[in-house]
Amino acid sequence: MIHKKLVLNGVLLLFALFMIIGFIKNNKPERNQKTLKVISYNIWNGFDWGKDEDRKNTFISWVNVQNPDVLALQELCGYTETQLLEDAKKWGHNYAEIVITSGYPVGITSNSPIEVKEKILDNMHIGALHCKTANIDFMVIHFSPFSYKKRHEEAKIILDKLSKFLKHKINILFWEILMRFLPLMPIYIKIKKHF
């Protein structure tokens, strides 16, 4: 059983690296570049379902210092889209989307308008959110924490969707896999944008 988990995690890591390398390779520098700062963060049970105000305030202060252009969030427990937007405005983002308002949803905030492309819920334990903001497609995902078999099923659903993007050379960032390997750390990446 441990061997299967290691193999699956290895495959997922390789896939993540493949996606990032493909993204970078397909984005040749042009004259007018802007750096885009993106952070992914698991807020862990929605700051204890909204009861841990100290941790939430510390997080908001930290996000302000980091000043990301896009923030992908996991475990928005107890949040509505209105609540997420209220928090997003505290770190300078006027746009926010959430996949669902029950369970352990994922969401995204941005300083640019967000276009929801798809809320992926069928056969997913938590769900995934496919959005476009800052001229980049984002896939915010939180796979099932309970079963590697379920994560494998969910990964296949996402891989099927991502394969369509690769055919059309859509710029997309994929967040869940990286979270699996650095679960205690926020992840951020700077992207050279081309206009």
N, C-alpha and C. Protein backbone atom coordinates (compact mmCIF):
# COMPACT_ATOMS: atom_id res chain seq x y z
N MET A 1 0.83 -1.19 0.00
CA MET A 1 0.00 0.00 0.00
C MET A 1 0.87 1.25 0.00
N ILE A 2 1.92 1.27 0.81
CA ILE A 2 2.81 2.43 0.85
C ILE A 2 3.50 2.61 -0.49
N HIS A 3 3.87 1.49 -1.13
CA HIS A 3 4.52 1.55 -2.43
C HIS A 3 3.59 2.22 -3.45
N LYS A 4 2.30 1.85 -3.46
CA LYS A 4 1.35 2.46 -4.39
C LYS A 4 1.24 3.96 -4.15
N LYS A 5 1.22 4.37 -2.88
CA LYS A 5 1.12 5.80 -2.56
C LYS A 5 2.36 6.54 -3.06
N LEU A 6 3.53 5.95 -2.86
CA LEU A 6 4.77 6.60 -3.31
C LEU A 6 4.79 6.71 -4.83
N VAL A 7 4.36 5.67 -5.51
CA VAL A 7 4.33 5.71 -6.97
C VAL A 7 3.35 6.78 -7.44
N LEU A 8 2.14 6.81 -6.85
CA LEU A 8 1.16 7.81 -7.24
C LEU A 8 1.67 9.22 -6.97
N ASN A 9 2.25 9.44 -5.80
CA ASN A 9 2.80 10.76 -5.49
C ASN A 9 3.93 11.13 -6.44
N GLY A 10 4.76 10.15 -6.80
CA GLY A 10 5.83 10.40 -7.76
C GLY A 10 5.28 10.80 -9.12
N VAL A 11 4.25 10.09 -9.57
CA VAL A 11 3.61 10.41 -10.84
C VAL A 11 3.00 11.81 -10.79
N LEU A 12 2.33 12.12 -9.69
CA LEU A 12 1.73 13.45 -9.55
C LEU A 12 2.79 14.54 -9.55
N LEU A 13 3.91 14.32 -8.88
CA LEU A 13 4.98 15.31 -8.86
C LEU A 13 5.55 15.51 -10.26
N LEU A 14 5.78 14.41 -10.98
CA LEU A 14 6.28 14.53 -12.34
C LEU A 14 5.30 15.28 -13.23
N PHE A 15 4.01 15.01 -13.03
CA PHE A 15 3.00 15.72 -13.80
C PHE A 15 3.06 17.22 -13.51
N ALA A 16 3.18 17.57 -12.24
CA ALA A 16 3.25 18.98 -11.86
C ALA A 16 4.46 19.65 -12.51
N LEU A 17 5.59 18.98 -12.46
CA LEU A 17 6.79 19.53 -13.07
C LEU A 17 6.61 19.68 -14.58
N PHE A 18 5.99 18.67 -15.21
CA PHE A 18 5.71 18.72 -16.63
C PHE A 18 4.84 19.93 -16.97
N MET A 19 3.80 20.16 -16.15
CA MET A 19 2.90 21.28 -16.41
C MET A 19 3.64 22.61 -16.27
N ILE A 20 4.46 22.74 -15.26
CA ILE A 20 5.18 23.99 -15.04
C ILE A 20 6.19 24.22 -16.16
N ILE A 21 6.94 23.18 -16.52
CA ILE A 21 7.93 23.30 -17.61
C ILE A 21 7.23 23.65 -18.92
N GLY A 22 6.10 22.98 -19.19
CA GLY A 22 5.34 23.27 -20.40
C GLY A 22 4.84 24.70 -20.42
N PHE A 23 4.38 25.17 -19.26
CA PHE A 23 3.90 26.54 -19.15
C PHE A 23 5.03 27.52 -19.46
N ILE A 24 6.19 27.31 -18.85
CA ILE A 24 7.32 28.21 -19.04
C ILE A 24 7.82 28.15 -20.47
N LYS A 25 7.92 26.95 -21.03
CA LYS A 25 8.43 26.77 -22.39
C LYS A 25 7.54 27.44 -23.43
N ASN A 26 6.22 27.42 -23.21
CA ASN A 26 5.29 27.99 -24.18
C ASN A 26 5.13 29.50 -24.05
N ASN A 27 5.83 30.11 -23.12
CA ASN A 27 5.71 31.55 -22.91
C ASN A 27 7.04 32.24 -23.19
N LYS A 28 7.28 32.51 -24.45
CA LYS A 28 8.51 33.17 -24.86
C LYS A 28 8.47 34.64 -24.47
N PRO A 29 9.59 35.19 -23.99
CA PRO A 29 9.60 36.60 -23.59
C PRO A 29 9.32 37.53 -24.76
N GLU A 30 8.61 38.58 -24.47
CA GLU A 30 8.37 39.65 -25.42
C GLU A 30 8.88 40.94 -24.81
N ARG A 31 8.69 42.04 -25.50
CA ARG A 31 9.24 43.31 -25.03
C ARG A 31 8.63 43.78 -23.72
N ASN A 32 7.32 43.84 -23.64
CA ASN A 32 6.65 44.38 -22.45
C ASN A 32 6.30 43.27 -21.49
N GLN A 33 7.12 43.08 -20.47
CA GLN A 33 6.88 42.04 -19.49
C GLN A 33 6.48 42.64 -18.16
N LYS A 34 5.64 41.93 -17.46
CA LYS A 34 5.24 42.30 -16.12
C LYS A 34 5.32 41.04 -15.28
N THR A 35 5.78 41.17 -14.06
CA THR A 35 5.82 40.02 -13.18
C THR A 35 4.47 39.86 -12.50
N LEU A 36 3.98 38.63 -12.49
CA LEU A 36 2.72 38.31 -11.84
C LEU A 36 3.05 37.44 -10.63
N LYS A 37 2.63 37.85 -9.46
CA LYS A 37 2.90 37.08 -8.25
C LYS A 37 1.65 36.31 -7.85
N VAL A 38 1.80 34.99 -7.71
CA VAL A 38 0.70 34.10 -7.40
C VAL A 38 1.05 33.31 -6.15
N ILE A 39 0.10 33.20 -5.23
CA ILE A 39 0.31 32.43 -4.00
C ILE A 39 -0.84 31.44 -3.86
N SER A 40 -0.53 30.24 -3.42
CA SER A 40 -1.54 29.25 -3.07
C SER A 40 -1.39 28.96 -1.58
N TYR A 41 -2.53 28.92 -0.86
CA TYR A 41 -2.45 28.76 0.59
C TYR A 41 -3.66 27.98 1.09
N ASN A 42 -3.41 27.00 1.92
CA ASN A 42 -4.48 26.23 2.56
C ASN A 42 -4.73 26.88 3.92
N ILE A 43 -5.91 27.47 4.12
CA ILE A 43 -6.18 28.20 5.37
C ILE A 43 -6.62 27.29 6.50
N TRP A 44 -6.64 25.99 6.26
CA TRP A 44 -6.90 24.97 7.28
C TRP A 44 -8.21 25.19 8.01
N ASN A 45 -9.21 24.48 7.53
CA ASN A 45 -10.55 24.49 8.14
C ASN A 45 -11.17 25.89 8.25
N GLY A 46 -10.93 26.72 7.27
CA GLY A 46 -11.55 28.05 7.27
C GLY A 46 -11.29 28.85 8.53
N PHE A 47 -10.02 28.83 8.97
CA PHE A 47 -9.65 29.48 10.24
C PHE A 47 -10.56 28.96 11.35
N ASP A 48 -10.61 27.63 11.45
CA ASP A 48 -11.45 26.94 12.45
C ASP A 48 -12.91 27.38 12.30
N TRP A 49 -13.38 27.30 11.03
CA TRP A 49 -14.77 27.64 10.70
C TRP A 49 -15.13 29.05 11.18
N GLY A 50 -14.17 29.96 11.04
CA GLY A 50 -14.40 31.37 11.36
C GLY A 50 -14.18 31.75 12.81
N LYS A 51 -13.80 30.80 13.66
CA LYS A 51 -13.64 31.10 15.09
C LYS A 51 -12.24 31.58 15.46
N ASP A 52 -11.24 31.33 14.62
CA ASP A 52 -9.86 31.69 14.95
C ASP A 52 -9.51 33.04 14.31
N GLU A 53 -10.01 34.11 14.91
CA GLU A 53 -9.79 35.46 14.38
C GLU A 53 -8.31 35.87 14.41
N ASP A 54 -7.57 35.42 15.42
CA ASP A 54 -6.14 35.78 15.50
C ASP A 54 -5.38 35.23 14.29
N ARG A 55 -5.60 33.96 13.97
CA ARG A 55 -4.90 33.36 12.83
C ARG A 55 -5.35 34.03 11.53
N LYS A 56 -6.63 34.33 11.43
CA LYS A 56 -7.14 34.99 10.23
C LYS A 56 -6.52 36.38 10.07
N ASN A 57 -6.44 37.16 11.13
CA ASN A 57 -5.83 38.49 11.05
C ASN A 57 -4.35 38.42 10.72
N THR A 58 -3.66 37.43 11.29
CA THR A 58 -2.24 37.23 10.98
C THR A 58 -2.07 36.90 9.50
N PHE A 59 -2.95 36.04 8.99
CA PHE A 59 -2.92 35.67 7.57
C PHE A 59 -3.14 36.88 6.69
N ILE A 60 -4.15 37.68 7.01
CA ILE A 60 -4.45 38.87 6.20
C ILE A 60 -3.24 39.83 6.19
N SER A 61 -2.61 40.01 7.33
CA SER A 61 -1.41 40.86 7.39
C SER A 61 -0.30 40.29 6.53
N TRP A 62 -0.11 38.97 6.60
CA TRP A 62 0.93 38.31 5.82
C TRP A 62 0.67 38.48 4.32
N VAL A 63 -0.59 38.29 3.90
CA VAL A 63 -0.93 38.45 2.48
C VAL A 63 -0.65 39.87 2.03
N ASN A 64 -0.97 40.86 2.86
CA ASN A 64 -0.67 42.25 2.51
C ASN A 64 0.81 42.49 2.30
N VAL A 65 1.64 41.88 3.13
CA VAL A 65 3.10 42.02 2.97
C VAL A 65 3.54 41.35 1.67
N GLN A 66 2.99 40.17 1.37
CA GLN A 66 3.38 39.44 0.16
C GLN A 66 2.89 40.12 -1.11
N ASN A 67 1.72 40.78 -1.03
CA ASN A 67 1.15 41.53 -2.13
C ASN A 67 1.02 40.72 -3.44
N PRO A 68 0.31 39.58 -3.38
CA PRO A 68 0.16 38.79 -4.61
C PRO A 68 -0.85 39.42 -5.55
N ASP A 69 -0.72 39.10 -6.82
CA ASP A 69 -1.71 39.51 -7.81
C ASP A 69 -2.89 38.54 -7.81
N VAL A 70 -2.58 37.26 -7.54
CA VAL A 70 -3.60 36.21 -7.51
C VAL A 70 -3.33 35.35 -6.28
N LEU A 71 -4.41 34.99 -5.58
CA LEU A 71 -4.29 34.14 -4.39
C LEU A 71 -5.26 32.98 -4.53
N ALA A 72 -4.73 31.75 -4.60
CA ALA A 72 -5.54 30.54 -4.64
C ALA A 72 -5.66 30.01 -3.21
N LEU A 73 -6.87 29.66 -2.78
CA LEU A 73 -7.09 29.24 -1.40
C LEU A 73 -7.79 27.89 -1.34
N GLN A 74 -7.40 27.09 -0.35
CA GLN A 74 -8.04 25.81 -0.10
C GLN A 74 -8.64 25.83 1.31
N GLU A 75 -9.66 25.00 1.51
CA GLU A 75 -10.36 24.83 2.79
C GLU A 75 -11.03 26.11 3.28
N LEU A 76 -11.82 26.70 2.41
CA LEU A 76 -12.58 27.91 2.76
C LEU A 76 -13.87 27.53 3.50
N CYS A 77 -13.72 26.72 4.53
CA CYS A 77 -14.86 26.21 5.31
C CYS A 77 -15.64 27.36 5.93
N GLY A 78 -16.97 27.35 5.74
CA GLY A 78 -17.82 28.36 6.32
C GLY A 78 -17.88 29.66 5.53
N TYR A 79 -17.15 29.75 4.43
CA TYR A 79 -17.13 30.97 3.63
C TYR A 79 -18.26 30.99 2.61
N THR A 80 -18.74 32.17 2.35
CA THR A 80 -19.59 32.43 1.19
C THR A 80 -18.74 33.28 0.23
N GLU A 81 -19.25 33.46 -0.98
CA GLU A 81 -18.51 34.28 -1.92
C GLU A 81 -18.41 35.72 -1.41
N THR A 82 -19.47 36.21 -0.75
CA THR A 82 -19.46 37.56 -0.19
C THR A 82 -18.39 37.69 0.90
N GLN A 83 -18.30 36.70 1.77
CA GLN A 83 -17.28 36.74 2.83
C GLN A 83 -15.87 36.69 2.24
N LEU A 84 -15.68 35.85 1.23
CA LEU A 84 -14.36 35.78 0.60
C LEU A 84 -14.00 37.11 -0.04
N LEU A 85 -14.95 37.75 -0.70
CA LEU A 85 -14.69 39.05 -1.31
C LEU A 85 -14.37 40.11 -0.25
N GLU A 86 -15.08 40.07 0.87
CA GLU A 86 -14.77 41.01 1.96
C GLU A 86 -13.33 40.85 2.44
N ASP A 87 -12.90 39.60 2.64
CA ASP A 87 -11.51 39.36 3.04
C ASP A 87 -10.55 39.78 1.93
N ALA A 88 -10.88 39.44 0.68
CA ALA A 88 -10.00 39.77 -0.44
C ALA A 88 -9.74 41.28 -0.52
N LYS A 89 -10.75 42.06 -0.26
CA LYS A 89 -10.58 43.52 -0.30
C LYS A 89 -9.59 44.00 0.76
N LYS A 90 -9.46 43.23 1.84
CA LYS A 90 -8.50 43.60 2.89
C LYS A 90 -7.06 43.45 2.41
N TRP A 91 -6.81 42.64 1.38
CA TRP A 91 -5.46 42.54 0.82
C TRP A 91 -5.39 43.10 -0.60
N GLY A 92 -6.38 43.93 -0.94
CA GLY A 92 -6.31 44.69 -2.19
C GLY A 92 -6.85 44.00 -3.42
N HIS A 93 -7.62 42.93 -3.25
CA HIS A 93 -8.22 42.24 -4.39
C HIS A 93 -9.71 42.55 -4.44
N ASN A 94 -10.16 43.00 -5.59
CA ASN A 94 -11.58 43.34 -5.76
C ASN A 94 -12.38 42.24 -6.43
N TYR A 95 -11.76 41.07 -6.62
CA TYR A 95 -12.44 39.97 -7.30
C TYR A 95 -12.20 38.68 -6.53
N ALA A 96 -13.27 37.86 -6.42
CA ALA A 96 -13.17 36.59 -5.69
C ALA A 96 -14.19 35.61 -6.22
N GLU A 97 -13.82 34.34 -6.24
CA GLU A 97 -14.73 33.27 -6.63
C GLU A 97 -14.49 32.08 -5.72
N ILE A 98 -15.55 31.31 -5.46
CA ILE A 98 -15.47 30.12 -4.62
C ILE A 98 -16.23 29.01 -5.34
N VAL A 99 -15.73 27.78 -5.24
CA VAL A 99 -16.34 26.69 -5.99
C VAL A 99 -17.72 26.30 -5.45
N ILE A 100 -17.87 26.20 -4.14
CA ILE A 100 -19.14 25.90 -3.47
C ILE A 100 -19.10 26.57 -2.10
N THR A 101 -20.21 26.58 -1.39
CA THR A 101 -20.22 27.22 -0.06
C THR A 101 -20.47 26.20 1.05
N SER A 102 -20.15 24.95 0.82
CA SER A 102 -20.27 23.93 1.86
C SER A 102 -19.01 23.07 1.85
N GLY A 103 -18.78 22.36 2.95
CA GLY A 103 -17.62 21.47 3.00
C GLY A 103 -16.31 22.23 3.07
N TYR A 104 -15.36 21.81 2.25
CA TYR A 104 -13.99 22.35 2.25
C TYR A 104 -13.66 22.97 0.89
N PRO A 105 -14.35 24.02 0.50
CA PRO A 105 -14.19 24.54 -0.86
C PRO A 105 -12.85 25.22 -1.12
N VAL A 106 -12.58 25.34 -2.41
CA VAL A 106 -11.43 26.12 -2.88
C VAL A 106 -11.96 27.42 -3.45
N GLY A 107 -11.07 28.40 -3.54
CA GLY A 107 -11.45 29.69 -4.10
C GLY A 107 -10.24 30.42 -4.63
N ILE A 108 -10.49 31.56 -5.20
CA ILE A 108 -9.42 32.37 -5.78
C ILE A 108 -9.80 33.83 -5.64
N THR A 109 -8.79 34.67 -5.38
CA THR A 109 -8.98 36.12 -5.37
C THR A 109 -7.94 36.74 -6.29
N SER A 110 -8.24 37.92 -6.80
CA SER A 110 -7.33 38.53 -7.77
C SER A 110 -7.51 40.04 -7.78
N ASN A 111 -6.46 40.72 -8.25
CA ASN A 111 -6.58 42.15 -8.46
C ASN A 111 -7.05 42.47 -9.88
N SER A 112 -7.33 41.40 -10.66
CA SER A 112 -7.89 41.52 -12.01
C SER A 112 -9.23 40.79 -12.05
N PRO A 113 -10.11 41.15 -12.98
CA PRO A 113 -11.39 40.43 -13.08
C PRO A 113 -11.18 38.93 -13.25
N ILE A 114 -12.10 38.15 -12.70
CA ILE A 114 -12.04 36.68 -12.77
C ILE A 114 -13.21 36.18 -13.60
N GLU A 115 -12.90 35.33 -14.56
CA GLU A 115 -13.93 34.66 -15.36
C GLU A 115 -13.97 33.19 -14.93
N VAL A 116 -15.09 32.74 -14.39
CA VAL A 116 -15.22 31.33 -14.02
C VAL A 116 -15.46 30.54 -15.29
N LYS A 117 -14.56 29.59 -15.57
CA LYS A 117 -14.70 28.74 -16.74
C LYS A 117 -15.49 27.49 -16.39
N GLU A 118 -15.21 26.92 -15.19
CA GLU A 118 -15.91 25.69 -14.80
C GLU A 118 -15.76 25.45 -13.30
N LYS A 119 -16.83 25.02 -12.69
CA LYS A 119 -16.80 24.53 -11.32
C LYS A 119 -16.91 23.01 -11.44
N ILE A 120 -15.82 22.33 -11.15
CA ILE A 120 -15.74 20.88 -11.36
C ILE A 120 -16.12 20.19 -10.05
N LEU A 121 -17.31 19.59 -10.04
CA LEU A 121 -17.83 18.98 -8.82
C LEU A 121 -18.14 17.49 -8.99
N ASP A 122 -18.52 17.07 -10.19
CA ASP A 122 -18.90 15.68 -10.42
C ASP A 122 -17.74 14.73 -10.13
N ASN A 123 -18.02 13.73 -9.29
CA ASN A 123 -17.04 12.70 -8.90
C ASN A 123 -15.81 13.25 -8.19
N MET A 124 -15.92 14.45 -7.64
CA MET A 124 -14.83 15.06 -6.88
C MET A 124 -15.26 15.12 -5.42
N HIS A 125 -14.34 14.80 -4.51
CA HIS A 125 -14.65 14.85 -3.08
C HIS A 125 -14.92 16.29 -2.65
N ILE A 126 -14.06 17.21 -3.06
CA ILE A 126 -14.18 18.61 -2.67
C ILE A 126 -14.55 19.48 -3.87
N GLY A 127 -13.89 19.29 -4.97
CA GLY A 127 -14.16 20.07 -6.16
C GLY A 127 -12.95 20.84 -6.62
N ALA A 128 -13.08 21.40 -7.80
CA ALA A 128 -12.01 22.19 -8.39
C ALA A 128 -12.64 23.40 -9.07
N LEU A 129 -11.87 24.45 -9.17
CA LEU A 129 -12.34 25.70 -9.75
C LEU A 129 -11.40 26.07 -10.89
N HIS A 130 -11.96 26.18 -12.09
CA HIS A 130 -11.20 26.62 -13.25
C HIS A 130 -11.63 28.04 -13.58
N CYS A 131 -10.69 28.97 -13.45
CA CYS A 131 -10.96 30.38 -13.70
C CYS A 131 -9.89 30.97 -14.59
N LYS A 132 -10.21 32.11 -15.16
CA LYS A 132 -9.22 32.88 -15.90
C LYS A 132 -9.13 34.26 -15.27
N THR A 133 -7.92 34.66 -14.94
CA THR A 133 -7.66 36.00 -14.44
C THR A 133 -6.25 36.39 -14.85
N ALA A 134 -6.01 37.65 -15.05
CA ALA A 134 -4.70 38.14 -15.47
C ALA A 134 -4.23 37.44 -16.73
N ASN A 135 -5.17 37.08 -17.60
CA ASN A 135 -4.89 36.44 -18.88
C ASN A 135 -4.27 35.05 -18.75
N ILE A 136 -4.49 34.40 -17.60
CA ILE A 136 -3.98 33.04 -17.37
C ILE A 136 -5.12 32.21 -16.80
N ASP A 137 -5.23 30.97 -17.25
CA ASP A 137 -6.19 30.04 -16.69
C ASP A 137 -5.60 29.43 -15.43
N PHE A 138 -6.40 29.36 -14.37
CA PHE A 138 -5.98 28.78 -13.10
C PHE A 138 -6.90 27.61 -12.77
N MET A 139 -6.33 26.55 -12.25
CA MET A 139 -7.09 25.40 -11.78
C MET A 139 -6.76 25.26 -10.30
N VAL A 140 -7.71 25.59 -9.43
CA VAL A 140 -7.51 25.50 -7.98
C VAL A 140 -8.22 24.22 -7.52
N ILE A 141 -7.45 23.32 -6.89
CA ILE A 141 -7.94 21.98 -6.58
C ILE A 141 -7.55 21.60 -5.17
N HIS A 142 -8.39 20.81 -4.54
CA HIS A 142 -8.05 20.19 -3.27
C HIS A 142 -8.55 18.75 -3.36
N PHE A 143 -7.63 17.82 -3.61
CA PHE A 143 -8.01 16.42 -3.74
C PHE A 143 -8.45 15.85 -2.39
N SER A 144 -9.14 14.75 -2.44
CA SER A 144 -9.60 14.05 -1.24
C SER A 144 -8.41 13.72 -0.33
N PRO A 145 -8.50 14.05 0.95
CA PRO A 145 -7.41 13.71 1.86
C PRO A 145 -7.53 12.30 2.43
N PHE A 146 -8.61 11.60 2.13
CA PHE A 146 -8.91 10.34 2.81
C PHE A 146 -8.44 9.09 2.08
N SER A 147 -8.32 9.14 0.77
CA SER A 147 -8.04 7.91 0.03
C SER A 147 -7.16 8.20 -1.17
N TYR A 148 -6.06 7.48 -1.28
CA TYR A 148 -5.20 7.68 -2.45
C TYR A 148 -5.92 7.19 -3.70
N LYS A 149 -6.83 6.22 -3.57
CA LYS A 149 -7.59 5.75 -4.72
C LYS A 149 -8.51 6.86 -5.24
N LYS A 150 -9.15 7.56 -4.31
CA LYS A 150 -10.02 8.67 -4.71
C LYS A 150 -9.19 9.79 -5.33
N ARG A 151 -8.02 10.09 -4.76
CA ARG A 151 -7.15 11.12 -5.34
C ARG A 151 -6.75 10.73 -6.76
N HIS A 152 -6.50 9.44 -6.96
CA HIS A 152 -6.14 8.96 -8.29
C HIS A 152 -7.31 9.19 -9.27
N GLU A 153 -8.53 8.88 -8.84
CA GLU A 153 -9.71 9.13 -9.68
C GLU A 153 -9.86 10.62 -9.99
N GLU A 154 -9.67 11.45 -8.96
CA GLU A 154 -9.80 12.89 -9.16
C GLU A 154 -8.70 13.42 -10.08
N ALA A 155 -7.49 12.89 -9.91
CA ALA A 155 -6.38 13.32 -10.78
C ALA A 155 -6.68 12.98 -12.23
N LYS A 156 -7.29 11.84 -12.47
CA LYS A 156 -7.65 11.46 -13.84
C LYS A 156 -8.67 12.44 -14.42
N ILE A 157 -9.65 12.84 -13.62
CA ILE A 157 -10.64 13.82 -14.09
C ILE A 157 -9.94 15.12 -14.50
N ILE A 158 -9.03 15.57 -13.64
CA ILE A 158 -8.32 16.83 -13.91
C ILE A 158 -7.38 16.66 -15.11
N LEU A 159 -6.67 15.54 -15.17
CA LEU A 159 -5.77 15.30 -16.31
C LEU A 159 -6.54 15.31 -17.63
N ASP A 160 -7.73 14.71 -17.65
CA ASP A 160 -8.54 14.73 -18.86
C ASP A 160 -8.88 16.16 -19.27
N LYS A 161 -9.21 16.99 -18.29
CA LYS A 161 -9.52 18.39 -18.59
C LYS A 161 -8.27 19.15 -19.04
N LEU A 162 -7.15 18.90 -18.35
CA LEU A 162 -5.92 19.60 -18.70
C LEU A 162 -5.40 19.21 -20.08
N SER A 163 -5.62 17.97 -20.49
CA SER A 163 -5.15 17.55 -21.81
C SER A 163 -5.79 18.40 -22.90
N LYS A 164 -7.02 18.84 -22.70
CA LYS A 164 -7.67 19.73 -23.67
C LYS A 164 -6.98 21.08 -23.74
N PHE A 165 -6.51 21.58 -22.60
CA PHE A 165 -5.81 22.85 -22.59
C PHE A 165 -4.48 22.76 -23.32
N LEU A 166 -3.78 21.65 -23.13
CA LEU A 166 -2.49 21.49 -23.77
C LEU A 166 -2.63 21.49 -25.29
N LYS A 167 -3.71 20.90 -25.79
CA LYS A 167 -3.94 20.88 -27.24
C LYS A 167 -4.13 22.29 -27.78
N HIS A 168 -4.72 23.16 -26.96
CA HIS A 168 -5.00 24.53 -27.40
C HIS A 168 -3.97 25.53 -26.88
N LYS A 169 -2.93 25.03 -26.22
CA LYS A 169 -1.84 25.87 -25.70
C LYS A 169 -2.36 26.99 -24.80
N ILE A 170 -3.28 26.65 -23.93
CA ILE A 170 -3.80 27.61 -22.97
C ILE A 170 -2.83 27.68 -21.80
N ASN A 171 -2.52 28.89 -21.34
CA ASN A 171 -1.68 29.06 -20.17
C ASN A 171 -2.49 28.70 -18.93
N ILE A 172 -2.02 27.71 -18.17
CA ILE A 172 -2.77 27.30 -16.99
C ILE A 172 -1.82 26.97 -15.86
N LEU A 173 -2.21 27.36 -14.66
CA LEU A 173 -1.47 26.97 -13.47
C LEU A 173 -2.34 26.01 -12.69
N PHE A 174 -1.72 24.99 -12.14
CA PHE A 174 -2.40 23.88 -11.50
C PHE A 174 -1.87 23.79 -10.08
N TRP A 175 -2.74 23.94 -9.06
CA TRP A 175 -2.26 24.14 -7.71
C TRP A 175 -2.26 22.95 -6.77
N GLU A 176 -3.10 21.99 -6.91
CA GLU A 176 -3.22 20.95 -5.89
C GLU A 176 -1.95 20.12 -5.70
N ILE A 177 -1.33 19.67 -6.76
CA ILE A 177 -0.22 18.74 -6.62
C ILE A 177 0.92 19.36 -5.82
N LEU A 178 1.23 20.59 -6.07
CA LEU A 178 2.30 21.22 -5.32
C LEU A 178 1.97 21.28 -3.83
N MET A 179 0.72 21.50 -3.50
CA MET A 179 0.32 21.55 -2.09
C MET A 179 0.55 20.20 -1.42
N ARG A 180 0.42 19.13 -2.16
CA ARG A 180 0.58 17.79 -1.61
C ARG A 180 2.01 17.56 -1.13
N PHE A 181 2.98 18.22 -1.76
CA PHE A 181 4.38 17.97 -1.42
C PHE A 181 4.96 18.99 -0.44
N LEU A 182 4.30 20.11 -0.26
CA LEU A 182 4.75 21.11 0.69
C LEU A 182 3.56 21.53 1.55
N PRO A 183 2.99 20.60 2.31
CA PRO A 183 1.71 20.89 2.97
C PRO A 183 1.77 21.95 4.06
N LEU A 184 2.94 22.26 4.58
CA LEU A 184 3.01 23.22 5.67
C LEU A 184 3.49 24.59 5.21
N MET A 185 3.70 24.74 3.92
CA MET A 185 4.24 25.99 3.43
C MET A 185 3.32 26.60 2.38
N PRO A 186 3.18 27.92 2.39
CA PRO A 186 2.47 28.54 1.28
C PRO A 186 3.34 28.44 0.03
N ILE A 187 2.73 28.45 -1.08
CA ILE A 187 3.48 28.36 -2.33
C ILE A 187 3.25 29.65 -3.10
N TYR A 188 4.33 30.21 -3.60
CA TYR A 188 4.16 31.36 -4.45
C TYR A 188 5.11 31.25 -5.63
N ILE A 189 4.73 31.88 -6.69
CA ILE A 189 5.51 31.81 -7.92
C ILE A 189 5.39 33.15 -8.61
N LYS A 190 6.47 33.58 -9.20
CA LYS A 190 6.43 34.80 -10.01
C LYS A 190 6.44 34.37 -11.48
N ILE A 191 5.55 34.96 -12.22
CA ILE A 191 5.39 34.61 -13.62
C ILE A 191 5.66 35.85 -14.46
N LYS A 192 6.42 35.69 -15.51
CA LYS A 192 6.61 36.79 -16.46
C LYS A 192 5.40 36.81 -17.38
N LYS A 193 4.65 37.90 -17.33
CA LYS A 193 3.48 38.04 -18.19
C LYS A 193 3.91 38.70 -19.49
N HIS A 194 3.26 38.32 -20.57
CA HIS A 194 3.56 38.87 -21.88
C HIS A 194 2.32 39.54 -22.44
N PHE A 195 2.47 40.78 -22.81
CA PHE A 195 1.33 41.52 -23.35
C PHE A 195 1.60 41.88 -24.78
